[in-house]
Amino acid sequence: MRVLNTPELEQTRGCVLVPTMGALHGGHASLIQAAVRRARIEGVPSAVSIFVNPKQFNDPKDFDTYPDRMGDDLAMCSDAGVDIVFHPSVDTVYPPGEDVTSNVIIPDVASKPGLEDTYRPGHFDGVCKVVSRLFDLCVPSAAVFGEKDWQQLQCVRTMSKLQGRELQIIPAETVREESGLAMSSRNLNLTPEARAQSVAISKALFASSSVQTPELAESLMREMLNEGGIEPEYAVVRPADTLMPLPDPATNPHVPCRALIAAKVGGVRLIDNAPWTPIAYA
């Protein structure tokens, strides 16, 4: 396994890339394993980028306290059979004095009312800029993104198309702990009490398909979260691709939908989502 601090296109061009911010966990492991499998089939390198992007943190404290586990991260990549780890500096990704993100197009899906942009203004501007730069620097043929960050997945997929990149975005299913809690780097900051409380998020998501309309699903999710002592930032049902606000799903019940939740538990902000597939809409 090679660790690169600067781009070497002869090493990464055509790779299958997993962009990360480090602090890798079991969820990342599934993305990395998917990338390694795909790369071996295609006969191209597998690559993992580790870069904590300062442009996507609304709260400077989140950036300052983001976990640094580089040794463990490299060990996970090595164990998975990754060919290349790209660990650039901020100046490599954003060279001082150079406008390297002028080609970035922020898709409409980034700013849907009531979702991430409402609570983290400008977050997806930073996500799109860093992902675009990683694509520029590594020139992958495919990139793997987790479904846990569903809105991010749709943003990256749309941005890549708008930029005209010949690049396949590969989604990977959310990996969960035994309790149902979606794996996340932020889980490291949960106290035992908050970890137990946070299980209400996945329970609410899975229960949302037990009712027959989006309105009832949203009401049920909020009720279950409140019973668990959690006040959500949002708990909604949206069309899976456009993430448009209601009544879009209600007017066309055959449109695939997702239930999405964001909430702070013990001061740690968690997001999660799941397919919304009520029997009446099947």
C-alpha atoms as a PDB file:
ATOM      1  CA  MET A   1       0.000   0.000   0.000  1.00  0.00           C
ATOM      2  CA  ARG A   2       1.346   3.413  -0.981  1.00  0.00           C
ATOM      3  CA  VAL A   3       0.586   6.581   1.010  1.00  0.00           C
ATOM      4  CA  LEU A   4       0.640   9.684  -1.187  1.00  0.00           C
ATOM      5  CA  ASN A   5       0.689  13.232   0.156  1.00  0.00           C
ATOM      6  CA  THR A   6       0.718  14.803  -3.309  1.00  0.00           C
ATOM      7  CA  PRO A   7      -1.198  13.662  -6.409  1.00  0.00           C
ATOM      8  CA  GLU A   8       0.570  11.245  -8.715  1.00  0.00           C
ATOM      9  CA  LEU A   9      -1.779  10.673 -11.631  1.00  0.00           C
ATOM     10  CA  GLU A  10       0.205   7.766 -12.978  1.00  0.00           C
ATOM     11  CA  GLN A  11      -0.674   5.999  -9.703  1.00  0.00           C
ATOM     12  CA  THR A  12      -4.318   7.038  -9.204  1.00  0.00           C
ATOM     13  CA  ARG A  13      -5.770   7.657 -12.670  1.00  0.00           C
ATOM     14  CA  GLY A  14      -8.744   5.356 -13.270  1.00  0.00           C
ATOM     15  CA  CYS A  15      -8.856   4.213  -9.639  1.00  0.00           C
ATOM     16  CA  VAL A  16     -11.933   3.342  -7.618  1.00  0.00           C
ATOM     17  CA  LEU A  17     -11.925   6.025  -4.918  1.00  0.00           C
ATOM     18  CA  VAL A  18     -13.437   6.200  -1.436  1.00  0.00           C
ATOM     19  CA  PRO A  19     -13.321   9.825  -0.215  1.00  0.00           C
ATOM     20  CA  THR A  20     -13.191  10.026   3.606  1.00  0.00           C
ATOM     21  CA  MET A  21     -12.269  12.372   6.425  1.00  0.00           C
ATOM     22  CA  GLY A  22     -10.592   9.605   8.383  1.00  0.00           C
ATOM     23  CA  ALA A  23     -11.647   8.277  11.792  1.00  0.00           C
ATOM     24  CA  LEU A  24     -12.629   5.184   9.849  1.00  0.00           C
ATOM     25  CA  HIS A  25     -15.158   2.730  11.280  1.00  0.00           C
ATOM     26  CA  GLY A  26     -17.112  -0.321  10.174  1.00  0.00           C
ATOM     27  CA  GLY A  27     -19.235   1.726   7.805  1.00  0.00           C
ATOM     28  CA  HIS A  28     -16.142   2.974   6.027  1.00  0.00           C
ATOM     29  CA  ALA A  29     -14.795  -0.567   5.967  1.00  0.00           C
ATOM     30  CA  SER A  30     -17.775  -1.698   3.884  1.00  0.00           C
ATOM     31  CA  LEU A  31     -17.207   1.164   1.411  1.00  0.00           C
ATOM     32  CA  ILE A  32     -13.507   0.332   1.178  1.00  0.00           C
ATOM     33  CA  GLN A  33     -14.179  -3.367   0.670  1.00  0.00           C
ATOM     34  CA  ALA A  34     -16.664  -2.546  -2.100  1.00  0.00           C
ATOM     35  CA  ALA A  35     -14.065  -0.324  -3.771  1.00  0.00           C
ATOM     36  CA  VAL A  36     -11.353  -2.983  -3.513  1.00  0.00           C
ATOM     37  CA  ARG A  37     -13.653  -5.614  -5.039  1.00  0.00           C
ATOM     38  CA  ARG A  38     -14.682  -3.300  -7.873  1.00  0.00           C
ATOM     39  CA  ALA A  39     -11.089  -2.243  -8.549  1.00  0.00           C
ATOM     40  CA  ARG A  40      -9.898  -5.837  -8.779  1.00  0.00           C
ATOM     41  CA  ILE A  41     -12.671  -6.686 -11.243  1.00  0.00           C
ATOM     42  CA  GLU A  42     -11.809  -3.633 -13.344  1.00  0.00           C
ATOM     43  CA  GLY A  43      -8.065  -4.162 -13.042  1.00  0.00           C
ATOM     44  CA  VAL A  44      -7.481  -0.660 -11.657  1.00  0.00           C
ATOM     45  CA  PRO A  45      -6.069   0.631  -8.331  1.00  0.00           C
ATOM     46  CA  SER A  46      -8.243   1.026  -5.247  1.00  0.00           C
ATOM     47  CA  ALA A  47      -7.745   4.302  -3.397  1.00  0.00           C
ATOM     48  CA  VAL A  48      -8.903   5.908  -0.163  1.00  0.00           C
ATOM     49  CA  SER A  49      -8.505   9.626   0.422  1.00  0.00           C
ATOM     50  CA  ILE A  50      -8.184  10.885   3.996  1.00  0.00           C
ATOM     51  CA  PHE A  51      -8.662  14.636   4.239  1.00  0.00           C
ATOM     52  CA  VAL A  52     -10.506  16.581   6.933  1.00  0.00           C
ATOM     53  CA  ASN A  53     -12.087  19.309   4.849  1.00  0.00           C
ATOM     54  CA  PRO A  54     -12.216  22.651   6.689  1.00  0.00           C
ATOM     55  CA  LYS A  55     -14.743  24.052   4.205  1.00  0.00           C
ATOM     56  CA  GLN A  56     -17.604  21.808   5.296  1.00  0.00           C
ATOM     57  CA  PHE A  57     -17.628  22.562   9.030  1.00  0.00           C
ATOM     58  CA  ASN A  58     -20.125  25.211  10.121  1.00  0.00           C
ATOM     59  CA  ASP A  59     -18.898  25.086  13.703  1.00  0.00           C
ATOM     60  CA  PRO A  60     -15.108  25.543  14.108  1.00  0.00           C
ATOM     61  CA  LYS A  61     -15.296  23.445  17.282  1.00  0.00           C
ATOM     62  CA  ASP A  62     -16.434  20.444  15.203  1.00  0.00           C
ATOM     63  CA  PHE A  63     -13.369  20.831  13.003  1.00  0.00           C
ATOM     64  CA  ASP A  64     -11.019  21.211  15.981  1.00  0.00           C
ATOM     65  CA  THR A  65     -12.421  18.153  17.763  1.00  0.00           C
ATOM     66  CA  TYR A  66     -12.745  15.874  14.729  1.00  0.00           C
ATOM     67  CA  PRO A  67     -11.078  12.557  15.673  1.00  0.00           C
ATOM     68  CA  ASP A  68      -7.540  11.938  14.400  1.00  0.00           C
ATOM     69  CA  ARG A  69      -6.877   8.202  14.159  1.00  0.00           C
ATOM     70  CA  MET A  70      -4.447   8.070  11.267  1.00  0.00           C
ATOM     71  CA  GLY A  71      -2.598   5.004  12.504  1.00  0.00           C
ATOM     72  CA  ASP A  72      -5.791   2.988  12.838  1.00  0.00           C
ATOM     73  CA  ASP A  73      -7.053   4.336   9.501  1.00  0.00           C
ATOM     74  CA  LEU A  74      -3.952   3.177   7.639  1.00  0.00           C
ATOM     75  CA  ALA A  75      -4.164  -0.222   9.308  1.00  0.00           C
ATOM     76  CA  MET A  76      -7.783  -0.645   8.176  1.00  0.00           C
ATOM     77  CA  CYS A  77      -6.880   0.306   4.607  1.00  0.00           C
ATOM     78  CA  SER A  78      -3.935  -2.060   4.582  1.00  0.00           C
ATOM     79  CA  ASP A  79      -5.987  -4.949   5.975  1.00  0.00           C
ATOM     80  CA  ALA A  80      -8.637  -4.363   3.291  1.00  0.00           C
ATOM     81  CA  GLY A  81      -6.069  -4.558   0.507  1.00  0.00           C
ATOM     82  CA  VAL A  82      -6.206  -0.902  -0.548  1.00  0.00           C
ATOM     83  CA  ASP A  83      -3.550   0.014  -3.099  1.00  0.00           C
ATOM     84  CA  ILE A  84      -3.242   3.764  -2.414  1.00  0.00           C
ATOM     85  CA  VAL A  85      -4.072   6.113   0.454  1.00  0.00           C
ATOM     86  CA  PHE A  86      -4.146   9.770  -0.578  1.00  0.00           C
ATOM     87  CA  HIS A  87      -3.525  12.010   2.453  1.00  0.00           C
ATOM     88  CA  PRO A  88      -3.064  15.548   1.115  1.00  0.00           C
ATOM     89  CA  SER A  89      -2.451  18.790   2.998  1.00  0.00           C
ATOM     90  CA  VAL A  90      -4.906  21.694   2.871  1.00  0.00           C
ATOM     91  CA  ASP A  91      -2.545  23.567   0.536  1.00  0.00           C
ATOM     92  CA  THR A  92      -2.509  20.615  -1.852  1.00  0.00           C
ATOM     93  CA  VAL A  93      -6.291  20.517  -2.070  1.00  0.00           C
ATOM     94  CA  TYR A  94      -6.728  24.301  -2.013  1.00  0.00           C
ATOM     95  CA  PRO A  95      -3.478  25.881  -3.304  1.00  0.00           C
ATOM     96  CA  PRO A  96      -3.138  29.427  -1.907  1.00  0.00           C
ATOM     97  CA  GLY A  97      -3.977  32.089  -4.464  1.00  0.00           C
ATOM     98  CA  GLU A  98      -5.467  29.647  -6.986  1.00  0.00           C
ATOM     99  CA  ASP A  99      -9.156  29.432  -7.888  1.00  0.00           C
ATOM    100  CA  VAL A 100      -9.341  25.652  -8.120  1.00  0.00           C
ATOM    101  CA  THR A 101     -13.072  25.254  -7.496  1.00  0.00           C
ATOM    102  CA  SER A 102     -14.450  27.569 -10.193  1.00  0.00           C
ATOM    103  CA  ASN A 103     -15.877  24.585 -12.082  1.00  0.00           C
ATOM    104  CA  VAL A 104     -17.901  23.386  -9.082  1.00  0.00           C
ATOM    105  CA  ILE A 105     -21.644  23.436  -9.640  1.00  0.00           C
ATOM    106  CA  ILE A 106     -23.696  23.233  -6.449  1.00  0.00           C
ATOM    107  CA  PRO A 107     -26.789  21.206  -7.418  1.00  0.00           C
ATOM    108  CA  ASP A 108     -30.302  22.173  -6.393  1.00  0.00           C
ATOM    109  CA  VAL A 109     -30.591  19.041  -4.273  1.00  0.00           C
ATOM    110  CA  ALA A 110     -28.077  20.623  -1.859  1.00  0.00           C
ATOM    111  CA  SER A 111     -30.500  23.302  -0.706  1.00  0.00           C
ATOM    112  CA  LYS A 112     -33.821  21.545  -0.190  1.00  0.00           C
ATOM    113  CA  PRO A 113     -35.890  23.300   2.504  1.00  0.00           C
ATOM    114  CA  GLY A 114     -35.918  21.667   5.909  1.00  0.00           C
ATOM    115  CA  LEU A 115     -32.941  19.378   5.350  1.00  0.00           C
ATOM    116  CA  GLU A 116     -29.183  19.796   5.902  1.00  0.00           C
ATOM    117  CA  ASP A 117     -28.839  23.248   4.330  1.00  0.00           C
ATOM    118  CA  THR A 118     -31.371  24.649   6.796  1.00  0.00           C
ATOM    119  CA  TYR A 119     -29.273  23.557   9.769  1.00  0.00           C
ATOM    120  CA  ARG A 120     -25.800  23.622   8.199  1.00  0.00           C
ATOM    121  CA  PRO A 121     -25.854  26.526   5.735  1.00  0.00           C
ATOM    122  CA  GLY A 122     -23.183  26.194   3.075  1.00  0.00           C
ATOM    123  CA  HIS A 123     -22.230  22.682   4.179  1.00  0.00           C
ATOM    124  CA  PHE A 124     -22.744  21.156   0.754  1.00  0.00           C
ATOM    125  CA  ASP A 125     -20.814  23.976  -0.897  1.00  0.00           C
ATOM    126  CA  GLY A 126     -17.822  22.651   1.027  1.00  0.00           C
ATOM    127  CA  VAL A 127     -18.665  19.022   0.292  1.00  0.00           C
ATOM    128  CA  CYS A 128     -19.000  19.624  -3.442  1.00  0.00           C
ATOM    129  CA  LYS A 129     -15.781  21.653  -3.563  1.00  0.00           C
ATOM    130  CA  VAL A 130     -13.659  19.047  -1.813  1.00  0.00           C
ATOM    131  CA  VAL A 131     -15.153  16.103  -3.703  1.00  0.00           C
ATOM    132  CA  SER A 132     -14.645  17.917  -6.993  1.00  0.00           C
ATOM    133  CA  ARG A 133     -11.016  18.613  -6.064  1.00  0.00           C
ATOM    134  CA  LEU A 134     -10.412  14.989  -5.083  1.00  0.00           C
ATOM    135  CA  PHE A 135     -11.850  13.921  -8.417  1.00  0.00           C
ATOM    136  CA  ASP A 136      -9.542  16.411 -10.167  1.00  0.00           C
ATOM    137  CA  LEU A 137      -6.488  15.229  -8.244  1.00  0.00           C
ATOM    138  CA  CYS A 138      -7.101  11.472  -8.417  1.00  0.00           C
ATOM    139  CA  VAL A 139      -9.076  11.162 -11.710  1.00  0.00           C
ATOM    140  CA  PRO A 140     -11.024   8.066 -10.596  1.00  0.00           C
ATOM    141  CA  SER A 141     -13.194   5.939 -12.860  1.00  0.00           C
ATOM    142  CA  ALA A 142     -15.623   5.320 -10.001  1.00  0.00           C
ATOM    143  CA  ALA A 143     -16.181   6.537  -6.447  1.00  0.00           C
ATOM    144  CA  VAL A 144     -18.024   4.896  -3.557  1.00  0.00           C
ATOM    145  CA  PHE A 145     -20.276   6.893  -1.199  1.00  0.00           C
ATOM    146  CA  GLY A 146     -22.404   5.661   1.700  1.00  0.00           C
ATOM    147  CA  GLU A 147     -26.173   5.889   1.713  1.00  0.00           C
ATOM    148  CA  LYS A 148     -26.124   7.081   5.333  1.00  0.00           C
ATOM    149  CA  ASP A 149     -25.391  10.578   4.023  1.00  0.00           C
ATOM    150  CA  TRP A 150     -28.249  10.343   1.534  1.00  0.00           C
ATOM    151  CA  GLN A 151     -28.440  14.025   0.639  1.00  0.00           C
ATOM    152  CA  GLN A 152     -24.670  14.119   0.157  1.00  0.00           C
ATOM    153  CA  LEU A 153     -24.889  11.092  -2.146  1.00  0.00           C
ATOM    154  CA  GLN A 154     -27.487  12.848  -4.304  1.00  0.00           C
ATOM    155  CA  CYS A 155     -25.438  16.073  -4.350  1.00  0.00           C
ATOM    156  CA  VAL A 156     -22.260  14.324  -5.492  1.00  0.00           C
ATOM    157  CA  ARG A 157     -24.099  12.243  -8.066  1.00  0.00           C
ATOM    158  CA  THR A 158     -25.787  15.319  -9.549  1.00  0.00           C
ATOM    159  CA  MET A 159     -22.677  17.506  -9.426  1.00  0.00           C
ATOM    160  CA  SER A 160     -20.633  14.878 -11.240  1.00  0.00           C
ATOM    161  CA  LYS A 161     -23.231  14.717 -14.026  1.00  0.00           C
ATOM    162  CA  LEU A 162     -23.413  18.510 -14.303  1.00  0.00           C
ATOM    163  CA  GLN A 163     -19.632  18.662 -14.624  1.00  0.00           C
ATOM    164  CA  GLY A 164     -19.731  16.108 -17.409  1.00  0.00           C
ATOM    165  CA  ARG A 165     -17.403  13.681 -15.651  1.00  0.00           C
ATOM    166  CA  GLU A 166     -17.085  10.142 -16.954  1.00  0.00           C
ATOM    167  CA  LEU A 167     -17.323   8.791 -13.453  1.00  0.00           C
ATOM    168  CA  GLN A 168     -19.643   6.275 -11.825  1.00  0.00           C
ATOM    169  CA  ILE A 169     -20.934   7.065  -8.344  1.00  0.00           C
ATOM    170  CA  ILE A 170     -21.464   3.782  -6.485  1.00  0.00           C
ATOM    171  CA  PRO A 171     -23.817   3.817  -3.464  1.00  0.00           C
ATOM    172  CA  ALA A 172     -23.171   1.532  -0.495  1.00  0.00           C
ATOM    173  CA  GLU A 173     -25.794   0.568   2.073  1.00  0.00           C
ATOM    174  CA  THR A 174     -25.671   1.973   5.598  1.00  0.00           C
ATOM    175  CA  VAL A 175     -23.832  -0.228   8.093  1.00  0.00           C
ATOM    176  CA  ARG A 176     -25.360  -0.384  11.562  1.00  0.00           C
ATOM    177  CA  GLU A 177     -24.291  -1.400  15.011  1.00  0.00           C
ATOM    178  CA  GLU A 178     -26.107  -4.318  16.628  1.00  0.00           C
ATOM    179  CA  SER A 179     -28.489  -1.834  18.259  1.00  0.00           C
ATOM    180  CA  GLY A 180     -29.481  -0.362  14.888  1.00  0.00           C
ATOM    181  CA  LEU A 181     -27.463   2.830  15.315  1.00  0.00           C
ATOM    182  CA  ALA A 182     -25.900   3.854  12.006  1.00  0.00           C
ATOM    183  CA  MET A 183     -22.115   3.733  12.177  1.00  0.00           C
ATOM    184  CA  SER A 184     -20.528   7.185  12.133  1.00  0.00           C
ATOM    185  CA  SER A 185     -17.272   8.812  13.160  1.00  0.00           C
ATOM    186  CA  ARG A 186     -19.361  11.027  15.420  1.00  0.00           C
ATOM    187  CA  ASN A 187     -20.425   7.986  17.462  1.00  0.00           C
ATOM    188  CA  LEU A 188     -16.999   8.149  19.117  1.00  0.00           C
ATOM    189  CA  ASN A 189     -18.225  11.269  20.928  1.00  0.00           C
ATOM    190  CA  LEU A 190     -21.373   9.648  22.346  1.00  0.00           C
ATOM    191  CA  THR A 191     -21.517   8.891  26.046  1.00  0.00           C
ATOM    192  CA  PRO A 192     -22.960   5.473  26.989  1.00  0.00           C
ATOM    193  CA  GLU A 193     -26.214   7.202  27.935  1.00  0.00           C
ATOM    194  CA  ALA A 194     -26.409   9.117  24.652  1.00  0.00           C
ATOM    195  CA  ARG A 195     -25.557   5.990  22.660  1.00  0.00           C
ATOM    196  CA  ALA A 196     -28.465   4.136  24.275  1.00  0.00           C
ATOM    197  CA  GLN A 197     -30.784   7.086  23.669  1.00  0.00           C
ATOM    198  CA  SER A 198     -29.771   7.438  20.009  1.00  0.00           C
ATOM    199  CA  VAL A 199     -31.206   4.036  19.128  1.00  0.00           C
ATOM    200  CA  ALA A 200     -34.593   5.793  18.944  1.00  0.00           C
ATOM    201  CA  ILE A 201     -33.484   7.305  15.614  1.00  0.00           C
ATOM    202  CA  SER A 202     -33.204   4.035  13.710  1.00  0.00           C
ATOM    203  CA  LYS A 203     -36.292   2.634  15.423  1.00  0.00           C
ATOM    204  CA  ALA A 204     -38.294   5.657  14.254  1.00  0.00           C
ATOM    205  CA  LEU A 205     -36.984   5.308  10.697  1.00  0.00           C
ATOM    206  CA  PHE A 206     -37.856   1.620  10.468  1.00  0.00           C
ATOM    207  CA  ALA A 207     -41.284   2.187  12.032  1.00  0.00           C
ATOM    208  CA  SER A 208     -42.155   4.919   9.516  1.00  0.00           C
ATOM    209  CA  SER A 209     -43.095   2.362   6.859  1.00  0.00           C
ATOM    210  CA  SER A 210     -45.790   0.913   9.129  1.00  0.00           C
ATOM    211  CA  VAL A 211     -48.141   3.765   8.241  1.00  0.00           C
ATOM    212  CA  GLN A 212     -49.636   4.561   4.854  1.00  0.00           C
ATOM    213  CA  THR A 213     -48.959   8.240   4.166  1.00  0.00           C
ATOM    214  CA  PRO A 214     -45.918  10.525   4.397  1.00  0.00           C
ATOM    215  CA  GLU A 215     -47.760  12.796   6.829  1.00  0.00           C
ATOM    216  CA  LEU A 216     -48.471   9.911   9.209  1.00  0.00           C
ATOM    217  CA  ALA A 217     -44.900   8.669   8.851  1.00  0.00           C
ATOM    218  CA  GLU A 218     -43.464  12.045   9.829  1.00  0.00           C
ATOM    219  CA  SER A 219     -45.829  12.304  12.782  1.00  0.00           C
ATOM    220  CA  LEU A 220     -44.917   8.798  13.958  1.00  0.00           C
ATOM    221  CA  MET A 221     -41.169   9.460  13.703  1.00  0.00           C
ATOM    222  CA  ARG A 222     -41.431  12.671  15.727  1.00  0.00           C
ATOM    223  CA  GLU A 223     -43.603  10.960  18.338  1.00  0.00           C
ATOM    224  CA  MET A 224     -41.125   8.110  18.779  1.00  0.00           C
ATOM    225  CA  LEU A 225     -38.171  10.477  18.934  1.00  0.00           C
ATOM    226  CA  ASN A 226     -39.899  12.672  21.523  1.00  0.00           C
ATOM    227  CA  GLU A 227     -40.689   9.588  23.590  1.00  0.00           C
ATOM    228  CA  GLY A 228     -36.974   8.796  23.496  1.00  0.00           C
ATOM    229  CA  GLY A 229     -36.123  12.294  24.735  1.00  0.00           C
ATOM    230  CA  ILE A 230     -34.886  13.486  21.327  1.00  0.00           C
ATOM    231  CA  GLU A 231     -35.994  16.716  19.658  1.00  0.00           C
ATOM    232  CA  PRO A 232     -35.252  16.238  15.948  1.00  0.00           C
ATOM    233  CA  GLU A 233     -34.072  18.983  13.638  1.00  0.00           C
ATOM    234  CA  TYR A 234     -36.031  17.197  10.964  1.00  0.00           C
ATOM    235  CA  ALA A 235     -37.884  13.905  10.560  1.00  0.00           C
ATOM    236  CA  VAL A 236     -39.331  13.833   7.067  1.00  0.00           C
ATOM    237  CA  VAL A 237     -40.276  11.709   4.089  1.00  0.00           C
ATOM    238  CA  ARG A 238     -39.003  12.929   0.727  1.00  0.00           C
ATOM    239  CA  PRO A 239     -38.663  11.586  -2.837  1.00  0.00           C
ATOM    240  CA  ALA A 240     -35.351   9.709  -2.888  1.00  0.00           C
ATOM    241  CA  ASP A 241     -33.803  11.519  -5.838  1.00  0.00           C
ATOM    242  CA  THR A 242     -35.117  15.100  -5.735  1.00  0.00           C
ATOM    243  CA  LEU A 243     -35.677  15.423  -1.950  1.00  0.00           C
ATOM    244  CA  MET A 244     -38.451  17.889  -2.735  1.00  0.00           C
ATOM    245  CA  PRO A 245     -40.739  18.835   0.151  1.00  0.00           C
ATOM    246  CA  LEU A 246     -44.203  17.343   0.435  1.00  0.00           C
ATOM    247  CA  PRO A 247     -46.735  16.961  -1.157  1.00  0.00           C
ATOM    248  CA  ASP A 248     -44.611  15.494  -3.957  1.00  0.00           C
ATOM    249  CA  PRO A 249     -44.564  11.902  -2.620  1.00  0.00           C
ATOM    250  CA  ALA A 250     -48.263  11.983  -1.819  1.00  0.00           C
ATOM    251  CA  THR A 251     -49.250  13.000  -5.347  1.00  0.00           C
ATOM    252  CA  ASN A 252     -47.260  10.157  -6.919  1.00  0.00           C
ATOM    253  CA  PRO A 253     -47.117   7.142  -4.597  1.00  0.00           C
ATOM    254  CA  HIS A 254     -44.904   5.201  -7.003  1.00  0.00           C
ATOM    255  CA  VAL A 255     -41.935   7.552  -6.551  1.00  0.00           C
ATOM    256  CA  PRO A 256     -39.247   5.896  -4.353  1.00  0.00           C
ATOM    257  CA  CYS A 257     -38.964   7.780  -1.070  1.00  0.00           C
ATOM    258  CA  ARG A 258     -36.618   8.010   1.900  1.00  0.00           C
ATOM    259  CA  ALA A 259     -37.344   8.754   5.529  1.00  0.00           C
ATOM    260  CA  LEU A 260     -34.643  11.090   6.866  1.00  0.00           C
ATOM    261  CA  ILE A 261     -33.810  12.194  10.412  1.00  0.00           C
ATOM    262  CA  ALA A 262     -31.286  14.606  11.912  1.00  0.00           C
ATOM    263  CA  ALA A 263     -31.038  15.203  15.659  1.00  0.00           C
ATOM    264  CA  LYS A 264     -28.590  16.081  18.395  1.00  0.00           C
ATOM    265  CA  VAL A 265     -28.198  13.446  21.085  1.00  0.00           C
ATOM    266  CA  GLY A 266     -26.026  14.335  24.059  1.00  0.00           C
ATOM    267  CA  GLY A 267     -24.687  17.282  22.062  1.00  0.00           C
ATOM    268  CA  VAL A 268     -23.653  15.054  19.117  1.00  0.00           C
ATOM    269  CA  ARG A 269     -25.409  15.663  15.815  1.00  0.00           C
ATOM    270  CA  LEU A 270     -26.496  12.446  14.122  1.00  0.00           C
ATOM    271  CA  ILE A 271     -28.111  11.850  10.727  1.00  0.00           C
ATOM    272  CA  ASP A 272     -29.729   8.715   9.371  1.00  0.00           C
ATOM    273  CA  ASN A 273     -32.191   7.610   6.720  1.00  0.00           C
ATOM    274  CA  ALA A 274     -33.915   4.527   5.360  1.00  0.00           C
ATOM    275  CA  PRO A 275     -36.162   3.625   2.437  1.00  0.00           C
ATOM    276  CA  TRP A 276     -39.795   4.524   3.080  1.00  0.00           C
ATOM    277  CA  THR A 277     -41.795   1.607   1.709  1.00  0.00           C
ATOM    278  CA  PRO A 278     -45.286   1.370   3.242  1.00  0.00           C
ATOM    279  CA  ILE A 279     -47.420  -1.557   2.121  1.00  0.00           C
ATOM    280  CA  ALA A 280     -50.030   0.781   0.657  1.00  0.00           C
ATOM    281  CA  TYR A 281     -47.403   2.316  -1.647  1.00  0.00           C
ATOM    282  CA  ALA A 282     -45.742  -0.928  -2.688  1.00  0.00           C
END
